[in-house]
Amino acid sequence: MRRYETIFIIDQDGGEEKRKQLFEKVSGIVEEKKGAIIEFDEWGDRRLAYEIEKKSRGYYVRLDYCGDGKVVLELERNFKIEDSILKYMTILIDKDTDPEKIAAQKAEEEKGEEAESKEEAEPKKATESKEETASNKEADDNKENKEEENNGKEE
């Protein structure tokens, strides 16, 4: 199987519901042609580099998938028909790839990122508690100094 990446820009005037229908349609096409979606990455609403059909903003989406040339042809044919698609571009990433291996790699990367975020959170908590302890000691020392000063003034 070949690995492709397609970036397409959707007219933002369609709304959330129209986008969801389009995403389901695209996913259905890839699965129908015996392809596999690796990642469906929504970049969101962004300003266009230049006006397209008198529109200055669009909703960007990146689709990473595996399949053969039939998948790409069918996707692009549907993009041409669909009025809400302003622009699209497909590139070949890899000529021979295994979607199962890619999915396994993605899962491992996510687990690694979760572990790193947990490790980063724990030292921050320890540092915060040390800082709190130090500030509490300073506050106690200040109180003692003030009490001693007040006692010295009273005598």
N, C-alpha and C. Protein backbone atom coordinates (compact mmCIF):
# COMPACT_ATOMS: atom_id res chain seq x y z
N MET A 1 0.83 -1.19 0.00
CA MET A 1 0.00 0.00 0.00
C MET A 1 0.87 1.25 0.00
N ARG A 2 0.34 2.28 -0.57
CA ARG A 2 1.04 3.56 -0.57
C ARG A 2 0.45 4.46 0.51
N ARG A 3 1.28 5.35 0.99
CA ARG A 3 0.84 6.29 2.03
C ARG A 3 0.74 7.67 1.41
N TYR A 4 -0.42 8.31 1.60
CA TYR A 4 -0.69 9.63 1.05
C TYR A 4 -1.05 10.60 2.15
N GLU A 5 -0.90 11.88 1.82
CA GLU A 5 -1.35 12.95 2.70
C GLU A 5 -2.12 13.94 1.84
N THR A 6 -3.35 14.22 2.24
CA THR A 6 -4.18 15.18 1.52
C THR A 6 -4.56 16.30 2.47
N ILE A 7 -4.32 17.51 2.03
CA ILE A 7 -4.74 18.68 2.79
C ILE A 7 -5.83 19.35 1.98
N PHE A 8 -6.95 19.62 2.64
CA PHE A 8 -8.03 20.30 1.93
C PHE A 8 -8.58 21.42 2.79
N ILE A 9 -9.12 22.42 2.10
CA ILE A 9 -9.67 23.60 2.76
C ILE A 9 -11.17 23.63 2.52
N ILE A 10 -11.92 23.73 3.60
CA ILE A 10 -13.38 23.73 3.53
C ILE A 10 -13.88 25.15 3.74
N ASP A 11 -14.91 25.52 3.00
CA ASP A 11 -15.57 26.82 3.19
C ASP A 11 -16.17 26.84 4.60
N GLN A 12 -15.81 27.83 5.38
CA GLN A 12 -16.26 27.87 6.77
C GLN A 12 -17.73 28.27 6.91
N ASP A 13 -18.35 28.74 5.85
CA ASP A 13 -19.75 29.16 5.91
C ASP A 13 -20.71 27.98 6.08
N GLY A 14 -20.25 26.77 5.79
CA GLY A 14 -21.10 25.58 5.87
C GLY A 14 -21.50 25.22 7.29
N GLY A 15 -20.67 25.51 8.24
CA GLY A 15 -20.97 25.21 9.63
C GLY A 15 -20.44 23.86 10.07
N GLU A 16 -20.56 23.61 11.36
CA GLU A 16 -20.03 22.40 12.00
C GLU A 16 -20.72 21.14 11.46
N GLU A 17 -22.01 21.18 11.31
CA GLU A 17 -22.75 20.01 10.86
C GLU A 17 -22.35 19.59 9.45
N LYS A 18 -22.19 20.55 8.57
CA LYS A 18 -21.78 20.27 7.18
C LYS A 18 -20.38 19.65 7.16
N ARG A 19 -19.48 20.17 8.03
CA ARG A 19 -18.12 19.62 8.11
C ARG A 19 -18.13 18.17 8.56
N LYS A 20 -18.94 17.87 9.57
CA LYS A 20 -19.02 16.50 10.09
C LYS A 20 -19.51 15.54 9.00
N GLN A 21 -20.49 15.97 8.23
CA GLN A 21 -21.00 15.13 7.13
C GLN A 21 -19.90 14.90 6.09
N LEU A 22 -19.15 15.93 5.79
CA LEU A 22 -18.06 15.82 4.82
C LEU A 22 -16.97 14.88 5.33
N PHE A 23 -16.62 14.98 6.62
CA PHE A 23 -15.61 14.11 7.21
C PHE A 23 -16.05 12.65 7.14
N GLU A 24 -17.33 12.39 7.42
CA GLU A 24 -17.86 11.03 7.33
C GLU A 24 -17.81 10.52 5.89
N LYS A 25 -18.12 11.39 4.95
CA LYS A 25 -18.08 11.02 3.54
C LYS A 25 -16.66 10.65 3.11
N VAL A 26 -15.69 11.47 3.51
CA VAL A 26 -14.28 11.22 3.16
C VAL A 26 -13.82 9.91 3.79
N SER A 27 -14.14 9.68 5.06
CA SER A 27 -13.76 8.44 5.73
C SER A 27 -14.40 7.24 5.03
N GLY A 28 -15.65 7.38 4.63
CA GLY A 28 -16.35 6.31 3.93
C GLY A 28 -15.69 5.97 2.60
N ILE A 29 -15.26 6.98 1.87
CA ILE A 29 -14.60 6.76 0.58
C ILE A 29 -13.30 5.98 0.77
N VAL A 30 -12.51 6.38 1.75
CA VAL A 30 -11.23 5.69 1.99
C VAL A 30 -11.47 4.23 2.38
N GLU A 31 -12.43 3.99 3.26
CA GLU A 31 -12.71 2.63 3.69
C GLU A 31 -13.33 1.80 2.56
N GLU A 32 -14.19 2.42 1.76
CA GLU A 32 -14.85 1.74 0.64
C GLU A 32 -13.83 1.24 -0.39
N LYS A 33 -12.78 2.01 -0.61
CA LYS A 33 -11.74 1.64 -1.58
C LYS A 33 -10.62 0.83 -0.94
N LYS A 34 -10.91 0.25 0.22
CA LYS A 34 -9.97 -0.62 0.95
C LYS A 34 -8.70 0.12 1.38
N GLY A 35 -8.88 1.34 1.80
CA GLY A 35 -7.77 2.12 2.33
C GLY A 35 -7.85 2.16 3.85
N ALA A 36 -6.89 2.79 4.49
CA ALA A 36 -6.86 2.90 5.95
C ALA A 36 -6.48 4.33 6.33
N ILE A 37 -7.29 4.93 7.17
CA ILE A 37 -7.00 6.28 7.66
C ILE A 37 -6.03 6.17 8.83
N ILE A 38 -4.92 6.89 8.72
CA ILE A 38 -3.92 6.89 9.78
C ILE A 38 -4.20 8.04 10.75
N GLU A 39 -4.45 9.21 10.20
CA GLU A 39 -4.71 10.38 11.05
C GLU A 39 -5.62 11.36 10.32
N PHE A 40 -6.58 11.87 11.05
CA PHE A 40 -7.50 12.87 10.54
C PHE A 40 -7.28 14.10 11.40
N ASP A 41 -6.48 15.04 10.93
CA ASP A 41 -6.02 16.16 11.73
C ASP A 41 -6.71 17.45 11.30
N GLU A 42 -7.54 18.00 12.18
CA GLU A 42 -8.23 19.25 11.89
C GLU A 42 -7.38 20.41 12.38
N TRP A 43 -6.93 21.24 11.46
CA TRP A 43 -6.12 22.40 11.82
C TRP A 43 -6.99 23.57 12.22
N GLY A 44 -8.23 23.59 11.79
CA GLY A 44 -9.16 24.62 12.20
C GLY A 44 -9.27 25.78 11.22
N ASP A 45 -9.94 26.81 11.68
CA ASP A 45 -10.22 27.99 10.87
C ASP A 45 -8.97 28.88 10.79
N ARG A 46 -8.56 29.19 9.56
CA ARG A 46 -7.37 30.00 9.35
C ARG A 46 -7.59 30.97 8.20
N ARG A 47 -6.76 31.98 8.18
CA ARG A 47 -6.80 32.96 7.09
C ARG A 47 -6.10 32.36 5.88
N LEU A 48 -6.69 32.54 4.70
CA LEU A 48 -6.10 32.05 3.47
C LEU A 48 -4.99 32.98 3.01
N ALA A 49 -4.02 32.44 2.30
CA ALA A 49 -2.91 33.26 1.78
C ALA A 49 -3.41 34.23 0.72
N TYR A 50 -4.43 33.83 0.01
CA TYR A 50 -5.05 34.68 -1.00
C TYR A 50 -6.53 34.29 -1.08
N GLU A 51 -7.34 35.18 -1.60
CA GLU A 51 -8.77 34.90 -1.68
C GLU A 51 -9.06 33.78 -2.68
N ILE A 52 -9.95 32.89 -2.28
CA ILE A 52 -10.42 31.82 -3.14
C ILE A 52 -11.93 31.92 -3.19
N GLU A 53 -12.49 32.12 -4.38
CA GLU A 53 -13.93 32.28 -4.55
C GLU A 53 -14.46 33.39 -3.62
N LYS A 54 -13.73 34.48 -3.53
CA LYS A 54 -14.06 35.65 -2.71
C LYS A 54 -14.15 35.33 -1.21
N LYS A 55 -13.44 34.31 -0.78
CA LYS A 55 -13.38 33.93 0.64
C LYS A 55 -11.97 34.21 1.14
N SER A 56 -11.88 34.77 2.33
CA SER A 56 -10.56 35.06 2.89
C SER A 56 -10.18 34.11 4.03
N ARG A 57 -11.13 33.27 4.48
CA ARG A 57 -10.87 32.31 5.56
C ARG A 57 -11.39 30.94 5.15
N GLY A 58 -10.76 29.91 5.70
CA GLY A 58 -11.18 28.54 5.42
C GLY A 58 -10.82 27.62 6.57
N TYR A 59 -11.42 26.44 6.58
CA TYR A 59 -11.18 25.44 7.61
C TYR A 59 -10.24 24.39 7.03
N TYR A 60 -9.04 24.28 7.59
CA TYR A 60 -8.00 23.40 7.07
C TYR A 60 -8.08 22.01 7.73
N VAL A 61 -7.90 20.98 6.90
CA VAL A 61 -7.90 19.60 7.38
C VAL A 61 -6.77 18.84 6.70
N ARG A 62 -6.05 18.02 7.48
CA ARG A 62 -4.99 17.16 6.93
C ARG A 62 -5.42 15.72 7.13
N LEU A 63 -5.40 14.97 6.05
CA LEU A 63 -5.79 13.57 6.08
C LEU A 63 -4.58 12.72 5.69
N ASP A 64 -4.15 11.85 6.60
CA ASP A 64 -3.03 10.94 6.37
C ASP A 64 -3.63 9.54 6.24
N TYR A 65 -3.41 8.88 5.11
CA TYR A 65 -4.05 7.60 4.87
C TYR A 65 -3.20 6.71 3.97
N CYS A 66 -3.55 5.42 3.96
CA CYS A 66 -2.90 4.44 3.10
C CYS A 66 -3.92 3.90 2.12
N GLY A 67 -3.46 3.57 0.93
CA GLY A 67 -4.34 3.02 -0.08
C GLY A 67 -3.62 2.95 -1.41
N ASP A 68 -4.38 2.69 -2.46
CA ASP A 68 -3.79 2.69 -3.79
C ASP A 68 -4.29 3.92 -4.56
N GLY A 69 -3.94 4.00 -5.81
CA GLY A 69 -4.30 5.16 -6.61
C GLY A 69 -5.79 5.39 -6.75
N LYS A 70 -6.58 4.31 -6.64
CA LYS A 70 -8.03 4.43 -6.75
C LYS A 70 -8.62 5.28 -5.62
N VAL A 71 -8.04 5.17 -4.45
CA VAL A 71 -8.51 5.96 -3.31
C VAL A 71 -8.31 7.45 -3.61
N VAL A 72 -7.12 7.79 -4.07
CA VAL A 72 -6.80 9.19 -4.36
C VAL A 72 -7.71 9.73 -5.47
N LEU A 73 -7.88 8.95 -6.54
CA LEU A 73 -8.73 9.39 -7.64
C LEU A 73 -10.16 9.64 -7.18
N GLU A 74 -10.69 8.74 -6.37
CA GLU A 74 -12.08 8.89 -5.89
C GLU A 74 -12.21 10.08 -4.94
N LEU A 75 -11.24 10.26 -4.05
CA LEU A 75 -11.28 11.42 -3.14
C LEU A 75 -11.26 12.72 -3.93
N GLU A 76 -10.32 12.83 -4.86
CA GLU A 76 -10.19 14.07 -5.63
C GLU A 76 -11.40 14.30 -6.53
N ARG A 77 -11.99 13.23 -7.05
CA ARG A 77 -13.21 13.38 -7.85
C ARG A 77 -14.33 13.96 -7.00
N ASN A 78 -14.46 13.48 -5.77
CA ASN A 78 -15.48 13.99 -4.86
C ASN A 78 -15.18 15.41 -4.41
N PHE A 79 -13.90 15.73 -4.24
CA PHE A 79 -13.53 17.10 -3.87
C PHE A 79 -13.91 18.08 -4.97
N LYS A 80 -13.77 17.67 -6.23
CA LYS A 80 -14.15 18.53 -7.35
C LYS A 80 -15.65 18.77 -7.40
N ILE A 81 -16.40 17.75 -7.04
CA ILE A 81 -17.87 17.86 -7.07
C ILE A 81 -18.39 18.68 -5.90
N GLU A 82 -17.80 18.50 -4.74
CA GLU A 82 -18.27 19.16 -3.51
C GLU A 82 -18.00 20.66 -3.57
N ASP A 83 -19.06 21.46 -3.42
CA ASP A 83 -18.95 22.92 -3.49
C ASP A 83 -18.23 23.52 -2.28
N SER A 84 -18.30 22.85 -1.14
CA SER A 84 -17.71 23.42 0.08
C SER A 84 -16.19 23.26 0.14
N ILE A 85 -15.59 22.47 -0.75
CA ILE A 85 -14.13 22.31 -0.79
C ILE A 85 -13.55 23.43 -1.65
N LEU A 86 -12.74 24.28 -1.03
CA LEU A 86 -12.13 25.39 -1.76
C LEU A 86 -10.88 24.95 -2.52
N LYS A 87 -10.02 24.21 -1.85
CA LYS A 87 -8.76 23.73 -2.44
C LYS A 87 -8.40 22.39 -1.81
N TYR A 88 -7.59 21.62 -2.52
CA TYR A 88 -7.06 20.37 -1.98
C TYR A 88 -5.73 20.07 -2.66
N MET A 89 -4.93 19.28 -1.96
CA MET A 89 -3.64 18.86 -2.52
C MET A 89 -3.28 17.52 -1.90
N THR A 90 -2.86 16.58 -2.75
CA THR A 90 -2.47 15.24 -2.30
C THR A 90 -1.02 15.00 -2.67
N ILE A 91 -0.28 14.45 -1.71
CA ILE A 91 1.12 14.09 -1.98
C ILE A 91 1.35 12.65 -1.56
N LEU A 92 2.29 12.00 -2.23
CA LEU A 92 2.69 10.64 -1.91
C LEU A 92 3.81 10.71 -0.87
N ILE A 93 3.59 10.08 0.27
CA ILE A 93 4.60 10.10 1.33
C ILE A 93 5.53 8.89 1.21
N ASP A 94 4.95 7.71 0.99
CA ASP A 94 5.75 6.49 0.93
C ASP A 94 5.12 5.53 -0.08
N LYS A 95 5.96 4.90 -0.89
CA LYS A 95 5.45 4.00 -1.94
C LYS A 95 5.05 2.64 -1.39
N ASP A 96 5.71 2.18 -0.35
CA ASP A 96 5.40 0.87 0.21
C ASP A 96 5.36 0.99 1.73
N THR A 97 4.17 0.85 2.30
CA THR A 97 4.02 1.00 3.73
C THR A 97 2.97 0.03 4.27
N ASP A 98 3.04 -0.24 5.57
CA ASP A 98 2.08 -1.12 6.22
C ASP A 98 1.29 -0.29 7.24
N PRO A 99 -0.01 -0.12 7.04
CA PRO A 99 -0.80 0.72 7.94
C PRO A 99 -0.82 0.22 9.38
N GLU A 100 -0.72 -1.10 9.58
CA GLU A 100 -0.74 -1.65 10.93
C GLU A 100 0.51 -1.23 11.71
N LYS A 101 1.67 -1.24 11.04
CA LYS A 101 2.91 -0.81 11.69
C LYS A 101 2.84 0.67 12.06
N ILE A 102 2.27 1.47 11.18
CA ILE A 102 2.15 2.91 11.44
C ILE A 102 1.24 3.15 12.63
N ALA A 103 0.12 2.42 12.70
CA ALA A 103 -0.81 2.56 13.83
C ALA A 103 -0.13 2.17 15.13
N ALA A 104 0.69 1.11 15.11
CA ALA A 104 1.41 0.68 16.31
C ALA A 104 2.42 1.74 16.75
N GLN A 105 3.12 2.36 15.79
CA GLN A 105 4.07 3.42 16.11
C GLN A 105 3.36 4.61 16.74
N LYS A 106 2.21 4.99 16.19
CA LYS A 106 1.44 6.12 16.73
C LYS A 106 1.03 5.84 18.17
N ALA A 107 0.59 4.59 18.43
CA ALA A 107 0.17 4.22 19.78
C ALA A 107 1.33 4.31 20.76
N GLU A 108 2.52 3.86 20.34
CA GLU A 108 3.70 3.93 21.21
C GLU A 108 4.09 5.38 21.49
N GLU A 109 4.01 6.22 20.46
CA GLU A 109 4.35 7.64 20.64
C GLU A 109 3.40 8.30 21.62
N GLU A 110 2.11 7.98 21.53
CA GLU A 110 1.14 8.57 22.45
C GLU A 110 1.40 8.13 23.88
N LYS A 111 1.75 6.84 24.07
CA LYS A 111 2.05 6.34 25.41
C LYS A 111 3.28 7.06 25.97
N GLY A 112 4.29 7.26 25.13
CA GLY A 112 5.51 7.95 25.55
C GLY A 112 5.23 9.39 25.94
N GLU A 113 4.36 10.06 25.17
CA GLU A 113 4.01 11.44 25.48
C GLU A 113 3.25 11.53 26.79
N GLU A 114 2.34 10.58 27.05
CA GLU A 114 1.59 10.57 28.30
C GLU A 114 2.52 10.38 29.49
N ALA A 115 3.48 9.45 29.35
CA ALA A 115 4.42 9.20 30.44
C ALA A 115 5.28 10.43 30.71
N GLU A 116 5.71 11.11 29.63
CA GLU A 116 6.53 12.32 29.81
C GLU A 116 5.74 13.41 30.51
N SER A 117 4.47 13.57 30.14
CA SER A 117 3.66 14.63 30.76
C SER A 117 3.42 14.33 32.24
N LYS A 118 3.28 13.05 32.60
CA LYS A 118 3.11 12.69 34.00
C LYS A 118 4.39 12.96 34.78
N GLU A 119 5.54 12.61 34.18
CA GLU A 119 6.82 12.84 34.85
C GLU A 119 7.09 14.32 35.06
N GLU A 120 6.69 15.13 34.10
CA GLU A 120 6.89 16.57 34.21
C GLU A 120 5.98 17.16 35.28
N ALA A 121 4.79 16.61 35.44
CA ALA A 121 3.84 17.14 36.41
C ALA A 121 4.29 16.83 37.84
N GLU A 122 4.85 15.65 38.10
CA GLU A 122 5.26 15.26 39.45
C GLU A 122 6.38 16.14 40.00
N PRO A 123 7.47 16.42 39.26
CA PRO A 123 8.51 17.29 39.81
C PRO A 123 7.99 18.70 40.08
N LYS A 124 7.06 19.17 39.29
CA LYS A 124 6.51 20.50 39.53
C LYS A 124 5.80 20.55 40.87
N LYS A 125 5.06 19.47 41.19
CA LYS A 125 4.35 19.42 42.47
C LYS A 125 5.36 19.43 43.61
N ALA A 126 6.44 18.65 43.50
CA ALA A 126 7.46 18.60 44.54
C ALA A 126 8.12 19.96 44.70
N THR A 127 8.40 20.62 43.61
CA THR A 127 9.02 21.95 43.65
C THR A 127 8.07 22.94 44.31
N GLU A 128 6.80 22.85 43.96
CA GLU A 128 5.82 23.77 44.55
C GLU A 128 5.74 23.57 46.06
N SER A 129 5.73 22.31 46.53
CA SER A 129 5.63 22.06 47.97
C SER A 129 6.89 22.56 48.68
N LYS A 130 8.07 22.43 48.07
CA LYS A 130 9.30 22.95 48.66
C LYS A 130 9.23 24.47 48.75
N GLU A 131 8.71 25.10 47.70
CA GLU A 131 8.60 26.56 47.71
C GLU A 131 7.62 27.01 48.78
N GLU A 132 6.50 26.27 48.92
CA GLU A 132 5.53 26.62 49.95
C GLU A 132 6.14 26.49 51.34
N THR A 133 6.91 25.42 51.57
CA THR A 133 7.56 25.21 52.86
C THR A 133 8.55 26.34 53.14
N ALA A 134 9.32 26.72 52.14
CA ALA A 134 10.29 27.80 52.31
C ALA A 134 9.58 29.12 52.61
N SER A 135 8.50 29.40 51.91
CA SER A 135 7.78 30.66 52.16
C SER A 135 7.12 30.64 53.54
N ASN A 136 6.66 29.48 53.99
CA ASN A 136 6.07 29.39 55.32
C ASN A 136 7.13 29.64 56.39
N LYS A 137 8.35 29.11 56.19
CA LYS A 137 9.43 29.33 57.15
C LYS A 137 9.79 30.81 57.21
N GLU A 138 9.85 31.45 56.05
CA GLU A 138 10.16 32.88 56.01
C GLU A 138 9.10 33.68 56.75
N ALA A 139 7.83 33.31 56.56
CA ALA A 139 6.75 34.02 57.23
C ALA A 139 6.86 33.84 58.75
N ASP A 140 7.18 32.61 59.19
CA ASP A 140 7.34 32.36 60.62
C ASP A 140 8.51 33.17 61.19
N ASP A 141 9.63 33.21 60.46
CA ASP A 141 10.80 33.98 60.89
C ASP A 141 10.45 35.46 61.00
N ASN A 142 9.72 35.97 60.05
CA ASN A 142 9.31 37.38 60.08
C ASN A 142 8.44 37.66 61.29
N LYS A 143 7.52 36.74 61.61
CA LYS A 143 6.65 36.93 62.78
C LYS A 143 7.49 36.95 64.06
N GLU A 144 8.45 36.03 64.16
CA GLU A 144 9.30 35.96 65.34
C GLU A 144 10.11 37.25 65.49
N ASN A 145 10.66 37.74 64.39
CA ASN A 145 11.44 38.97 64.42
C ASN A 145 10.57 40.14 64.88
N LYS A 146 9.36 40.23 64.39
CA LYS A 146 8.47 41.32 64.78
C LYS A 146 8.11 41.22 66.26
N GLU A 147 7.87 39.99 66.72
CA GLU A 147 7.55 39.80 68.14
C GLU A 147 8.72 40.21 69.02
N GLU A 148 9.95 39.85 68.59
CA GLU A 148 11.13 40.22 69.36
C GLU A 148 11.29 41.73 69.38
N GLU A 149 11.04 42.37 68.23
CA GLU A 149 11.14 43.83 68.17
C GLU A 149 10.11 44.48 69.07
N ASN A 150 8.90 43.94 69.05
CA ASN A 150 7.84 44.48 69.91
C ASN A 150 8.16 44.27 71.38
N ASN A 151 8.73 43.12 71.71
CA ASN A 151 9.11 42.85 73.09
C ASN A 151 10.24 43.79 73.53
N GLY A 152 11.16 44.08 72.65
CA GLY A 152 12.28 44.98 72.94
C GLY A 152 11.77 46.41 73.16
N LYS A 153 10.77 46.83 72.45
CA LYS A 153 10.22 48.17 72.58
C LYS A 153 9.44 48.32 73.88
N GLU A 154 8.80 47.25 74.30
CA GLU A 154 7.98 47.29 75.53
C GLU A 154 8.88 47.42 76.74
N GLU A 155 10.08 46.89 76.73
CA GLU A 155 10.96 46.92 77.89
C GLU A 155 11.57 48.26 77.98
